[in-house]
Amino acid sequence: MPAPLREPAAVTPFCGGAYEGALRELVIAYKDHARYGLRRPLARMLADVIAHLAEQLPARPEQLLLVPIPSAPAAVRRRGHDSLLSLACLAAALLRRRGQDVAVGALLQQTRAVLDSAGLSAAERWRNLEGALKVRAARVGAGVHGGVVVVDDVITTGASAAEAVRALRRAGLTPFAVAAVAATPRRFATPVAGVLPRRGLSPG
């Protein structure tokens, strides 16, 4: 059973595999080298993770709302698209084909510029992202229905996921899980059955 996020409350992370080897190469090629043909296999993995976590709920919501963590504007400009939002949208489409009611909500936005996390220590990543996200008021005002799942591509320290959860909670929303394509081995043991991490997210 995976451990919950330490902050701000019990939110369970699930991932498709360890961020190493072939999976790491796939993610980097898709995100940073415009290998858009890799979007489908990565989205399929993300869809499997989301389907798995939904099965863990004692009472399944009528609809799942996937909330991707927003990419930095500079990264979107450099890549030419929001890689995670695109991945979440395709994963939702794949799940709808399986008969699940799934929507994607780009509810989160950055409140300030943040540093590139590459090269930062775990503690620096948490400080860098603290208070950096908020919920778009207009999106919440339009109504949010269903169980909320935070979506990330790679969980490293858990700082991005934890900040997303905090921002959603401040807006009165209650995410019940975090779904990611991959997670760094130092944070997670080998996933069970390809999707289930044995350790949770924690700073430090």
N, C-alpha and C. Protein backbone atom coordinates (compact mmCIF):
# COMPACT_ATOMS: atom_id res chain seq x y z
N MET A 1 0.86 -1.20 0.00
CA MET A 1 0.00 0.00 0.00
C MET A 1 0.89 1.24 0.00
N PRO A 2 0.68 2.17 -0.93
CA PRO A 2 1.52 3.36 -0.96
C PRO A 2 1.26 4.28 0.22
N ALA A 3 2.29 4.97 0.66
CA ALA A 3 2.12 5.94 1.74
C ALA A 3 1.58 7.24 1.18
N PRO A 4 0.88 8.05 2.00
CA PRO A 4 0.31 9.30 1.50
C PRO A 4 1.32 10.43 1.45
N LEU A 5 0.93 11.49 0.78
CA LEU A 5 1.71 12.72 0.85
C LEU A 5 1.80 13.16 2.30
N ARG A 6 2.95 13.62 2.74
CA ARG A 6 3.09 14.09 4.11
C ARG A 6 2.34 15.41 4.30
N GLU A 7 2.35 16.25 3.30
CA GLU A 7 1.64 17.53 3.34
C GLU A 7 0.74 17.62 2.13
N PRO A 8 -0.45 18.19 2.27
CA PRO A 8 -1.07 18.75 3.46
C PRO A 8 -1.99 17.76 4.15
N ALA A 9 -2.30 16.64 3.50
CA ALA A 9 -3.17 15.63 4.10
C ALA A 9 -2.99 14.35 3.31
N ALA A 10 -3.72 13.33 3.70
CA ALA A 10 -3.53 12.02 3.08
C ALA A 10 -4.01 12.01 1.63
N VAL A 11 -3.09 12.12 0.71
CA VAL A 11 -3.37 12.01 -0.72
C VAL A 11 -2.38 10.99 -1.28
N THR A 12 -2.89 9.95 -1.88
CA THR A 12 -2.05 8.84 -2.28
C THR A 12 -1.50 9.02 -3.70
N PRO A 13 -0.18 8.84 -3.89
CA PRO A 13 0.40 8.91 -5.23
C PRO A 13 0.48 7.53 -5.89
N PHE A 14 0.20 7.49 -7.17
CA PHE A 14 0.32 6.28 -7.96
C PHE A 14 1.16 6.60 -9.19
N CYS A 15 1.99 5.67 -9.63
CA CYS A 15 2.79 5.92 -10.83
C CYS A 15 2.87 4.66 -11.68
N GLY A 16 3.27 4.87 -12.95
CA GLY A 16 3.33 3.75 -13.87
C GLY A 16 4.63 2.98 -13.82
N GLY A 17 5.69 3.59 -13.32
CA GLY A 17 6.97 2.91 -13.26
C GLY A 17 8.04 3.81 -12.70
N ALA A 18 9.21 3.23 -12.48
CA ALA A 18 10.34 3.99 -11.96
C ALA A 18 10.94 4.84 -13.07
N TYR A 19 11.32 6.06 -12.71
CA TYR A 19 11.90 6.99 -13.68
C TYR A 19 13.36 6.66 -13.90
N GLU A 20 13.58 5.64 -14.70
CA GLU A 20 14.93 5.18 -15.01
C GLU A 20 14.87 4.34 -16.28
N GLY A 21 16.01 4.08 -16.86
CA GLY A 21 16.08 3.21 -18.02
C GLY A 21 15.23 3.68 -19.19
N ALA A 22 14.54 2.72 -19.80
CA ALA A 22 13.77 3.00 -21.01
C ALA A 22 12.64 3.99 -20.76
N LEU A 23 11.97 3.89 -19.60
CA LEU A 23 10.86 4.81 -19.33
C LEU A 23 11.37 6.24 -19.21
N ARG A 24 12.48 6.44 -18.55
CA ARG A 24 13.07 7.78 -18.45
C ARG A 24 13.39 8.33 -19.84
N GLU A 25 13.96 7.50 -20.70
CA GLU A 25 14.30 7.93 -22.05
C GLU A 25 13.05 8.31 -22.84
N LEU A 26 11.97 7.55 -22.68
CA LEU A 26 10.72 7.86 -23.37
C LEU A 26 10.16 9.21 -22.93
N VAL A 27 10.14 9.44 -21.62
CA VAL A 27 9.59 10.70 -21.10
C VAL A 27 10.41 11.89 -21.60
N ILE A 28 11.72 11.80 -21.53
CA ILE A 28 12.58 12.90 -21.97
C ILE A 28 12.43 13.14 -23.47
N ALA A 29 12.37 12.06 -24.25
CA ALA A 29 12.23 12.21 -25.70
C ALA A 29 10.91 12.90 -26.05
N TYR A 30 9.84 12.54 -25.34
CA TYR A 30 8.54 13.17 -25.59
C TYR A 30 8.53 14.63 -25.17
N LYS A 31 9.01 14.91 -23.96
CA LYS A 31 8.93 16.26 -23.42
C LYS A 31 9.91 17.24 -24.07
N ASP A 32 11.13 16.81 -24.26
CA ASP A 32 12.19 17.75 -24.62
C ASP A 32 12.74 17.61 -26.03
N HIS A 33 12.34 16.54 -26.74
CA HIS A 33 12.89 16.34 -28.08
C HIS A 33 11.81 16.15 -29.13
N ALA A 34 10.61 16.63 -28.81
CA ALA A 34 9.50 16.67 -29.79
C ALA A 34 9.19 15.31 -30.41
N ARG A 35 9.35 14.24 -29.65
CA ARG A 35 8.99 12.91 -30.14
C ARG A 35 7.51 12.67 -29.83
N TYR A 36 6.65 13.35 -30.58
CA TYR A 36 5.23 13.35 -30.28
C TYR A 36 4.58 11.98 -30.48
N GLY A 37 5.23 11.11 -31.25
CA GLY A 37 4.69 9.77 -31.42
C GLY A 37 4.70 8.95 -30.13
N LEU A 38 5.47 9.41 -29.14
CA LEU A 38 5.52 8.72 -27.85
C LEU A 38 4.37 9.12 -26.92
N ARG A 39 3.61 10.11 -27.35
CA ARG A 39 2.50 10.58 -26.52
C ARG A 39 1.51 9.46 -26.22
N ARG A 40 1.19 8.67 -27.23
CA ARG A 40 0.17 7.63 -27.03
C ARG A 40 0.60 6.55 -26.03
N PRO A 41 1.79 5.95 -26.17
CA PRO A 41 2.15 4.94 -25.16
C PRO A 41 2.26 5.50 -23.75
N LEU A 42 2.73 6.75 -23.62
CA LEU A 42 2.81 7.36 -22.29
C LEU A 42 1.42 7.65 -21.76
N ALA A 43 0.52 8.11 -22.63
CA ALA A 43 -0.86 8.38 -22.20
C ALA A 43 -1.57 7.09 -21.81
N ARG A 44 -1.26 6.01 -22.53
CA ARG A 44 -1.86 4.72 -22.19
C ARG A 44 -1.40 4.27 -20.80
N MET A 45 -0.13 4.48 -20.50
CA MET A 45 0.38 4.14 -19.17
C MET A 45 -0.31 4.98 -18.10
N LEU A 46 -0.45 6.29 -18.38
CA LEU A 46 -1.12 7.17 -17.42
C LEU A 46 -2.58 6.75 -17.23
N ALA A 47 -3.24 6.39 -18.32
CA ALA A 47 -4.63 5.93 -18.23
C ALA A 47 -4.74 4.68 -17.37
N ASP A 48 -3.79 3.76 -17.52
CA ASP A 48 -3.79 2.54 -16.70
C ASP A 48 -3.62 2.87 -15.22
N VAL A 49 -2.76 3.85 -14.93
CA VAL A 49 -2.55 4.28 -13.54
C VAL A 49 -3.85 4.83 -12.96
N ILE A 50 -4.52 5.69 -13.73
CA ILE A 50 -5.75 6.32 -13.25
C ILE A 50 -6.85 5.27 -13.07
N ALA A 51 -6.95 4.34 -14.00
CA ALA A 51 -7.94 3.27 -13.87
C ALA A 51 -7.68 2.44 -12.62
N HIS A 52 -6.40 2.18 -12.35
CA HIS A 52 -6.03 1.40 -11.17
C HIS A 52 -6.40 2.14 -9.88
N LEU A 53 -6.06 3.42 -9.81
CA LEU A 53 -6.34 4.14 -8.56
C LEU A 53 -7.84 4.29 -8.35
N ALA A 54 -8.61 4.42 -9.43
CA ALA A 54 -10.06 4.54 -9.28
C ALA A 54 -10.65 3.27 -8.69
N GLU A 55 -10.05 2.13 -9.01
CA GLU A 55 -10.53 0.86 -8.47
C GLU A 55 -10.28 0.72 -6.98
N GLN A 56 -9.37 1.54 -6.43
CA GLN A 56 -9.06 1.45 -5.00
C GLN A 56 -10.09 2.18 -4.14
N LEU A 57 -10.95 2.98 -4.77
CA LEU A 57 -11.92 3.76 -4.01
C LEU A 57 -13.06 2.89 -3.52
N PRO A 58 -13.47 3.05 -2.26
CA PRO A 58 -14.62 2.29 -1.76
C PRO A 58 -15.91 2.67 -2.47
N ALA A 59 -16.03 3.95 -2.84
CA ALA A 59 -17.19 4.42 -3.59
C ALA A 59 -16.68 5.25 -4.77
N ARG A 60 -16.83 4.74 -5.97
CA ARG A 60 -16.29 5.43 -7.13
C ARG A 60 -17.15 6.63 -7.50
N PRO A 61 -16.53 7.80 -7.75
CA PRO A 61 -17.31 8.97 -8.18
C PRO A 61 -17.87 8.74 -9.57
N GLU A 62 -18.96 9.44 -9.89
CA GLU A 62 -19.55 9.29 -11.21
C GLU A 62 -18.59 9.77 -12.29
N GLN A 63 -17.80 10.79 -11.98
CA GLN A 63 -16.86 11.32 -12.95
C GLN A 63 -15.51 11.56 -12.28
N LEU A 64 -14.43 11.33 -13.02
CA LEU A 64 -13.10 11.70 -12.57
C LEU A 64 -12.69 12.98 -13.28
N LEU A 65 -12.14 13.92 -12.52
CA LEU A 65 -11.63 15.16 -13.10
C LEU A 65 -10.12 15.16 -12.95
N LEU A 66 -9.41 15.10 -14.06
CA LEU A 66 -7.96 15.11 -14.05
C LEU A 66 -7.47 16.55 -14.09
N VAL A 67 -6.64 16.92 -13.11
CA VAL A 67 -6.10 18.28 -13.03
C VAL A 67 -4.58 18.21 -13.20
N PRO A 68 -4.08 18.50 -14.41
CA PRO A 68 -2.63 18.45 -14.61
C PRO A 68 -1.92 19.61 -13.94
N ILE A 69 -0.72 19.35 -13.45
CA ILE A 69 0.11 20.42 -12.91
C ILE A 69 0.58 21.28 -14.08
N PRO A 70 0.40 22.60 -14.03
CA PRO A 70 0.74 23.42 -15.20
C PRO A 70 2.23 23.48 -15.46
N SER A 71 2.59 23.42 -16.72
CA SER A 71 3.98 23.60 -17.11
C SER A 71 4.34 25.08 -17.03
N ALA A 72 5.60 25.37 -16.78
CA ALA A 72 6.04 26.76 -16.76
C ALA A 72 5.86 27.36 -18.15
N PRO A 73 5.42 28.63 -18.24
CA PRO A 73 5.24 29.26 -19.56
C PRO A 73 6.47 29.16 -20.45
N ALA A 74 7.65 29.31 -19.86
CA ALA A 74 8.88 29.23 -20.65
C ALA A 74 9.05 27.83 -21.25
N ALA A 75 8.68 26.81 -20.49
CA ALA A 75 8.79 25.43 -20.99
C ALA A 75 7.80 25.19 -22.12
N VAL A 76 6.59 25.75 -21.99
CA VAL A 76 5.58 25.60 -23.04
C VAL A 76 6.07 26.26 -24.33
N ARG A 77 6.65 27.45 -24.20
CA ARG A 77 7.18 28.14 -25.39
C ARG A 77 8.31 27.34 -26.02
N ARG A 78 9.18 26.80 -25.20
CA ARG A 78 10.33 26.07 -25.72
C ARG A 78 9.90 24.78 -26.42
N ARG A 79 8.92 24.10 -25.84
CA ARG A 79 8.49 22.82 -26.41
C ARG A 79 7.44 22.98 -27.50
N GLY A 80 6.77 24.13 -27.51
CA GLY A 80 5.74 24.36 -28.50
C GLY A 80 4.37 23.85 -28.10
N HIS A 81 4.26 23.26 -26.92
CA HIS A 81 2.97 22.79 -26.41
C HIS A 81 3.13 22.47 -24.94
N ASP A 82 1.99 22.33 -24.26
CA ASP A 82 1.99 21.92 -22.85
C ASP A 82 1.98 20.40 -22.83
N SER A 83 3.14 19.81 -22.64
CA SER A 83 3.28 18.35 -22.78
C SER A 83 2.40 17.57 -21.81
N LEU A 84 2.29 18.04 -20.57
CA LEU A 84 1.50 17.30 -19.59
C LEU A 84 0.01 17.43 -19.84
N LEU A 85 -0.45 18.63 -20.19
CA LEU A 85 -1.87 18.82 -20.50
C LEU A 85 -2.26 17.94 -21.69
N SER A 86 -1.41 17.90 -22.70
CA SER A 86 -1.68 17.06 -23.87
C SER A 86 -1.76 15.59 -23.49
N LEU A 87 -0.87 15.16 -22.61
CA LEU A 87 -0.85 13.78 -22.15
C LEU A 87 -2.12 13.45 -21.36
N ALA A 88 -2.52 14.36 -20.48
CA ALA A 88 -3.72 14.14 -19.67
C ALA A 88 -4.97 14.06 -20.55
N CYS A 89 -5.04 14.90 -21.58
CA CYS A 89 -6.21 14.89 -22.47
C CYS A 89 -6.32 13.57 -23.22
N LEU A 90 -5.20 13.05 -23.69
CA LEU A 90 -5.24 11.78 -24.41
C LEU A 90 -5.55 10.63 -23.45
N ALA A 91 -5.00 10.66 -22.24
CA ALA A 91 -5.32 9.63 -21.25
C ALA A 91 -6.81 9.63 -20.94
N ALA A 92 -7.40 10.82 -20.80
CA ALA A 92 -8.84 10.92 -20.54
C ALA A 92 -9.64 10.34 -21.70
N ALA A 93 -9.21 10.63 -22.93
CA ALA A 93 -9.90 10.10 -24.10
C ALA A 93 -9.84 8.57 -24.13
N LEU A 94 -8.68 8.01 -23.79
CA LEU A 94 -8.54 6.56 -23.75
C LEU A 94 -9.44 5.94 -22.69
N LEU A 95 -9.55 6.60 -21.55
CA LEU A 95 -10.41 6.10 -20.47
C LEU A 95 -11.88 6.19 -20.86
N ARG A 96 -12.26 7.24 -21.56
CA ARG A 96 -13.65 7.35 -22.01
C ARG A 96 -14.01 6.22 -22.97
N ARG A 97 -13.04 5.79 -23.78
CA ARG A 97 -13.28 4.66 -24.69
C ARG A 97 -13.50 3.37 -23.92
N ARG A 98 -12.98 3.31 -22.69
CA ARG A 98 -13.18 2.13 -21.84
C ARG A 98 -14.48 2.23 -21.04
N GLY A 99 -15.22 3.31 -21.25
CA GLY A 99 -16.50 3.47 -20.58
C GLY A 99 -16.48 4.29 -19.32
N GLN A 100 -15.34 4.91 -18.99
CA GLN A 100 -15.25 5.73 -17.80
C GLN A 100 -15.55 7.18 -18.13
N ASP A 101 -16.25 7.86 -17.22
CA ASP A 101 -16.56 9.28 -17.39
C ASP A 101 -15.40 10.08 -16.83
N VAL A 102 -14.58 10.62 -17.70
CA VAL A 102 -13.37 11.33 -17.30
C VAL A 102 -13.28 12.65 -18.04
N ALA A 103 -12.96 13.71 -17.31
CA ALA A 103 -12.75 15.03 -17.91
C ALA A 103 -11.41 15.57 -17.46
N VAL A 104 -10.91 16.56 -18.18
CA VAL A 104 -9.66 17.23 -17.83
C VAL A 104 -9.97 18.69 -17.52
N GLY A 105 -9.45 19.17 -16.40
CA GLY A 105 -9.65 20.57 -16.03
C GLY A 105 -8.32 21.26 -15.80
N ALA A 106 -8.00 22.24 -16.64
CA ALA A 106 -6.77 23.03 -16.45
C ALA A 106 -7.06 24.10 -15.40
N LEU A 107 -7.23 23.66 -14.17
CA LEU A 107 -7.67 24.54 -13.09
C LEU A 107 -6.54 25.35 -12.48
N LEU A 108 -5.32 24.87 -12.60
CA LEU A 108 -4.21 25.49 -11.87
C LEU A 108 -3.40 26.43 -12.76
N GLN A 109 -2.88 27.48 -12.15
CA GLN A 109 -1.96 28.38 -12.84
C GLN A 109 -0.88 28.81 -11.88
N GLN A 110 0.27 29.18 -12.44
CA GLN A 110 1.37 29.66 -11.61
C GLN A 110 1.11 31.09 -11.16
N THR A 111 1.44 31.37 -9.91
CA THR A 111 1.27 32.71 -9.37
C THR A 111 2.53 33.55 -9.54
N ARG A 112 3.63 32.91 -9.82
CA ARG A 112 4.91 33.60 -9.97
C ARG A 112 5.87 32.70 -10.73
N ALA A 113 6.96 33.30 -11.18
CA ALA A 113 7.97 32.51 -11.88
C ALA A 113 8.69 31.61 -10.87
N VAL A 114 9.04 30.43 -11.31
CA VAL A 114 9.79 29.49 -10.47
C VAL A 114 11.08 29.11 -11.20
N LEU A 115 12.05 28.68 -10.43
CA LEU A 115 13.33 28.27 -11.00
C LEU A 115 13.19 26.91 -11.68
N ASP A 116 14.04 26.66 -12.66
CA ASP A 116 14.12 25.33 -13.24
C ASP A 116 14.57 24.38 -12.14
N SER A 117 13.83 23.29 -11.96
CA SER A 117 14.12 22.39 -10.84
C SER A 117 15.38 21.56 -11.04
N ALA A 118 15.88 21.48 -12.27
CA ALA A 118 17.09 20.70 -12.52
C ALA A 118 18.25 21.26 -11.71
N GLY A 119 18.90 20.40 -10.96
CA GLY A 119 20.04 20.82 -10.16
C GLY A 119 19.70 21.28 -8.77
N LEU A 120 18.40 21.44 -8.47
CA LEU A 120 18.00 21.87 -7.13
C LEU A 120 17.92 20.66 -6.20
N SER A 121 18.26 20.87 -4.94
CA SER A 121 18.11 19.82 -3.94
C SER A 121 16.63 19.64 -3.62
N ALA A 122 16.30 18.58 -2.89
CA ALA A 122 14.91 18.34 -2.52
C ALA A 122 14.35 19.52 -1.73
N ALA A 123 15.10 20.01 -0.75
CA ALA A 123 14.63 21.13 0.07
C ALA A 123 14.45 22.38 -0.78
N GLU A 124 15.37 22.61 -1.72
CA GLU A 124 15.27 23.79 -2.59
C GLU A 124 14.06 23.69 -3.51
N ARG A 125 13.74 22.49 -3.97
CA ARG A 125 12.56 22.31 -4.82
C ARG A 125 11.29 22.66 -4.06
N TRP A 126 11.22 22.22 -2.80
CA TRP A 126 10.03 22.52 -2.01
C TRP A 126 9.91 24.02 -1.76
N ARG A 127 11.00 24.69 -1.44
CA ARG A 127 10.95 26.14 -1.23
C ARG A 127 10.61 26.86 -2.53
N ASN A 128 11.14 26.39 -3.63
CA ASN A 128 10.92 27.00 -4.93
C ASN A 128 9.44 26.99 -5.33
N LEU A 129 8.73 25.93 -4.96
CA LEU A 129 7.35 25.76 -5.40
C LEU A 129 6.31 26.15 -4.37
N GLU A 130 6.75 26.43 -3.16
CA GLU A 130 5.78 26.78 -2.11
C GLU A 130 4.99 28.03 -2.48
N GLY A 131 3.68 27.91 -2.51
CA GLY A 131 2.81 29.04 -2.84
C GLY A 131 2.84 29.45 -4.30
N ALA A 132 3.38 28.59 -5.18
CA ALA A 132 3.55 28.98 -6.59
C ALA A 132 2.35 28.67 -7.47
N LEU A 133 1.34 27.98 -6.93
CA LEU A 133 0.17 27.63 -7.73
C LEU A 133 -1.11 28.15 -7.09
N LYS A 134 -2.07 28.45 -7.94
CA LYS A 134 -3.41 28.80 -7.45
C LYS A 134 -4.43 28.29 -8.46
N VAL A 135 -5.68 28.21 -8.01
CA VAL A 135 -6.77 27.76 -8.86
C VAL A 135 -7.36 28.95 -9.59
N ARG A 136 -7.62 28.79 -10.87
CA ARG A 136 -8.27 29.84 -11.66
C ARG A 136 -9.70 30.00 -11.16
N ALA A 137 -10.01 31.18 -10.62
CA ALA A 137 -11.31 31.40 -9.99
C ALA A 137 -12.46 31.16 -10.96
N ALA A 138 -12.30 31.59 -12.21
CA ALA A 138 -13.38 31.44 -13.19
C ALA A 138 -13.69 29.97 -13.44
N ARG A 139 -12.66 29.13 -13.44
CA ARG A 139 -12.87 27.71 -13.70
C ARG A 139 -13.65 27.07 -12.56
N VAL A 140 -13.32 27.44 -11.33
CA VAL A 140 -14.03 26.87 -10.18
C VAL A 140 -15.45 27.39 -10.14
N GLY A 141 -15.62 28.67 -10.49
CA GLY A 141 -16.95 29.27 -10.50
C GLY A 141 -17.89 28.57 -11.46
N ALA A 142 -17.32 27.97 -12.52
CA ALA A 142 -18.15 27.28 -13.50
C ALA A 142 -18.63 25.93 -12.98
N GLY A 143 -18.07 25.50 -11.85
CA GLY A 143 -18.49 24.23 -11.26
C GLY A 143 -17.52 23.11 -11.55
N VAL A 144 -17.19 22.36 -10.52
CA VAL A 144 -16.31 21.20 -10.65
C VAL A 144 -17.05 19.99 -10.12
N HIS A 145 -17.14 18.98 -10.93
CA HIS A 145 -17.89 17.79 -10.54
C HIS A 145 -16.98 16.56 -10.60
N GLY A 146 -17.19 15.64 -9.69
CA GLY A 146 -16.46 14.38 -9.73
C GLY A 146 -15.26 14.35 -8.82
N GLY A 147 -14.60 13.19 -8.81
CA GLY A 147 -13.41 13.00 -8.00
C GLY A 147 -12.21 13.62 -8.66
N VAL A 148 -11.46 14.42 -7.93
CA VAL A 148 -10.33 15.17 -8.48
C VAL A 148 -9.04 14.37 -8.34
N VAL A 149 -8.31 14.24 -9.44
CA VAL A 149 -7.02 13.56 -9.46
C VAL A 149 -5.97 14.53 -10.00
N VAL A 150 -4.93 14.80 -9.22
CA VAL A 150 -3.81 15.61 -9.70
C VAL A 150 -2.96 14.74 -10.61
N VAL A 151 -2.57 15.30 -11.76
CA VAL A 151 -1.79 14.55 -12.75
C VAL A 151 -0.42 15.19 -12.93
N ASP A 152 0.62 14.37 -12.88
CA ASP A 152 2.00 14.83 -13.11
C ASP A 152 2.65 13.87 -14.10
N ASP A 153 3.75 14.30 -14.72
CA ASP A 153 4.45 13.36 -15.59
C ASP A 153 5.47 12.55 -14.79
N VAL A 154 6.32 13.25 -14.03
CA VAL A 154 7.33 12.57 -13.22
C VAL A 154 7.31 13.14 -11.81
N ILE A 155 7.20 12.28 -10.81
CA ILE A 155 7.29 12.70 -9.42
C ILE A 155 8.74 12.51 -8.98
N THR A 156 9.38 13.59 -8.57
CA THR A 156 10.76 13.49 -8.09
C THR A 156 10.76 13.62 -6.57
N THR A 157 10.66 14.84 -6.06
CA THR A 157 10.58 15.03 -4.61
C THR A 157 9.14 15.06 -4.12
N GLY A 158 8.19 15.29 -5.02
CA GLY A 158 6.79 15.43 -4.62
C GLY A 158 6.39 16.87 -4.39
N ALA A 159 7.31 17.82 -4.58
CA ALA A 159 7.01 19.23 -4.30
C ALA A 159 5.91 19.77 -5.19
N SER A 160 5.96 19.48 -6.49
CA SER A 160 4.94 19.98 -7.41
C SER A 160 3.57 19.41 -7.08
N ALA A 161 3.52 18.10 -6.83
CA ALA A 161 2.25 17.46 -6.51
C ALA A 161 1.67 18.00 -5.22
N ALA A 162 2.51 18.17 -4.20
CA ALA A 162 2.03 18.67 -2.92
C ALA A 162 1.51 20.10 -3.04
N GLU A 163 2.19 20.94 -3.82
CA GLU A 163 1.73 22.31 -4.01
C GLU A 163 0.41 22.34 -4.77
N ALA A 164 0.25 21.45 -5.75
CA ALA A 164 -1.01 21.37 -6.48
C ALA A 164 -2.15 20.97 -5.55
N VAL A 165 -1.90 19.99 -4.70
CA VAL A 165 -2.92 19.56 -3.74
C VAL A 165 -3.29 20.71 -2.80
N ARG A 166 -2.29 21.42 -2.29
CA ARG A 166 -2.56 22.55 -1.40
C ARG A 166 -3.40 23.62 -2.09
N ALA A 167 -3.05 23.95 -3.34
CA ALA A 167 -3.79 24.98 -4.07
C ALA A 167 -5.24 24.57 -4.28
N LEU A 168 -5.46 23.33 -4.63
CA LEU A 168 -6.83 22.85 -4.84
C LEU A 168 -7.62 22.86 -3.54
N ARG A 169 -6.98 22.46 -2.45
CA ARG A 169 -7.66 22.47 -1.15
C ARG A 169 -8.01 23.89 -0.71
N ARG A 170 -7.13 24.83 -0.99
CA ARG A 170 -7.42 26.22 -0.63
C ARG A 170 -8.65 26.74 -1.37
N ALA A 171 -8.91 26.18 -2.55
CA ALA A 171 -10.07 26.59 -3.34
C ALA A 171 -11.31 25.77 -3.02
N GLY A 172 -11.20 24.89 -2.03
CA GLY A 172 -12.35 24.10 -1.61
C GLY A 172 -12.53 22.79 -2.34
N LEU A 173 -11.52 22.38 -3.11
CA LEU A 173 -11.58 21.11 -3.82
C LEU A 173 -10.80 20.06 -3.05
N THR A 174 -11.15 18.80 -3.25
CA THR A 174 -10.53 17.72 -2.47
C THR A 174 -9.98 16.64 -3.39
N PRO A 175 -8.75 16.78 -3.86
CA PRO A 175 -8.16 15.70 -4.66
C PRO A 175 -7.93 14.46 -3.80
N PHE A 176 -8.21 13.30 -4.36
CA PHE A 176 -8.06 12.07 -3.58
C PHE A 176 -6.82 11.28 -3.97
N ALA A 177 -6.14 11.68 -5.06
CA ALA A 177 -4.96 10.94 -5.49
C ALA A 177 -4.11 11.77 -6.42
N VAL A 178 -2.87 11.34 -6.58
CA VAL A 178 -1.95 11.91 -7.58
C VAL A 178 -1.57 10.78 -8.52
N ALA A 179 -1.71 11.01 -9.82
CA ALA A 179 -1.35 10.02 -10.83
C ALA A 179 -0.20 10.54 -11.66
N ALA A 180 0.82 9.72 -11.86
CA ALA A 180 1.99 10.12 -12.65
C ALA A 180 2.43 8.98 -13.55
N VAL A 181 3.10 9.35 -14.63
CA VAL A 181 3.67 8.34 -15.50
C VAL A 181 4.80 7.60 -14.79
N ALA A 182 5.66 8.36 -14.10
CA ALA A 182 6.83 7.76 -13.47
C ALA A 182 7.19 8.49 -12.19
N ALA A 183 8.04 7.85 -11.39
CA ALA A 183 8.53 8.46 -10.16
C ALA A 183 9.98 8.04 -9.98
N THR A 184 10.78 8.92 -9.39
CA THR A 184 12.20 8.62 -9.21
C THR A 184 12.40 7.45 -8.25
N PRO A 185 13.34 6.57 -8.55
CA PRO A 185 13.56 5.38 -7.70
C PRO A 185 13.87 5.72 -6.26
N ARG A 186 14.52 6.87 -6.01
CA ARG A 186 14.87 7.18 -4.62
C ARG A 186 13.65 7.52 -3.79
N ARG A 187 12.53 7.83 -4.45
CA ARG A 187 11.29 8.13 -3.74
C ARG A 187 10.35 6.94 -3.69
N PHE A 188 10.48 6.04 -4.65
CA PHE A 188 9.54 4.93 -4.74
C PHE A 188 10.28 3.62 -4.96
N ALA A 189 9.79 2.56 -4.36
CA ALA A 189 10.29 1.23 -4.69
C ALA A 189 9.71 0.82 -6.04
N THR A 190 10.13 -0.33 -6.57
CA THR A 190 9.60 -0.79 -7.84
C THR A 190 8.08 -0.92 -7.76
N PRO A 191 7.34 -0.28 -8.67
CA PRO A 191 5.88 -0.35 -8.61
C PRO A 191 5.37 -1.79 -8.70
N VAL A 192 4.34 -2.08 -7.96
CA VAL A 192 3.70 -3.39 -7.99
C VAL A 192 2.81 -3.47 -9.22
N ALA A 193 2.90 -4.55 -9.97
CA ALA A 193 2.07 -4.77 -11.16
C ALA A 193 2.21 -3.62 -12.16
N GLY A 194 3.34 -2.92 -12.10
CA GLY A 194 3.59 -1.88 -13.09
C GLY A 194 2.95 -0.54 -12.82
N VAL A 195 2.13 -0.44 -11.78
CA VAL A 195 1.47 0.84 -11.56
C VAL A 195 1.51 1.33 -10.12
N LEU A 196 1.79 0.49 -9.18
CA LEU A 196 1.57 0.86 -7.79
C LEU A 196 2.87 1.07 -7.03
N PRO A 197 3.19 2.33 -6.64
CA PRO A 197 4.40 2.56 -5.86
C PRO A 197 4.21 2.14 -4.42
N ARG A 198 5.29 1.74 -3.77
CA ARG A 198 5.20 1.27 -2.39
C ARG A 198 5.51 2.36 -1.38
N ARG A 199 6.07 3.48 -1.85
CA ARG A 199 6.39 4.55 -0.92
C ARG A 199 5.70 5.82 -1.34
N GLY A 200 5.49 6.70 -0.38
CA GLY A 200 4.79 7.93 -0.67
C GLY A 200 5.71 9.11 -0.88
N LEU A 201 5.11 10.26 -1.05
CA LEU A 201 5.85 11.48 -1.29
C LEU A 201 6.17 12.15 0.04
N SER A 202 7.39 12.62 0.17
CA SER A 202 7.76 13.35 1.38
C SER A 202 8.93 14.25 1.08
N PRO A 203 9.00 15.42 1.73
CA PRO A 203 10.10 16.32 1.47
C PRO A 203 11.38 15.80 2.10
N GLY A 204 12.50 16.32 1.61
CA GLY A 204 13.78 16.01 2.22
C GLY A 204 14.44 14.78 1.66
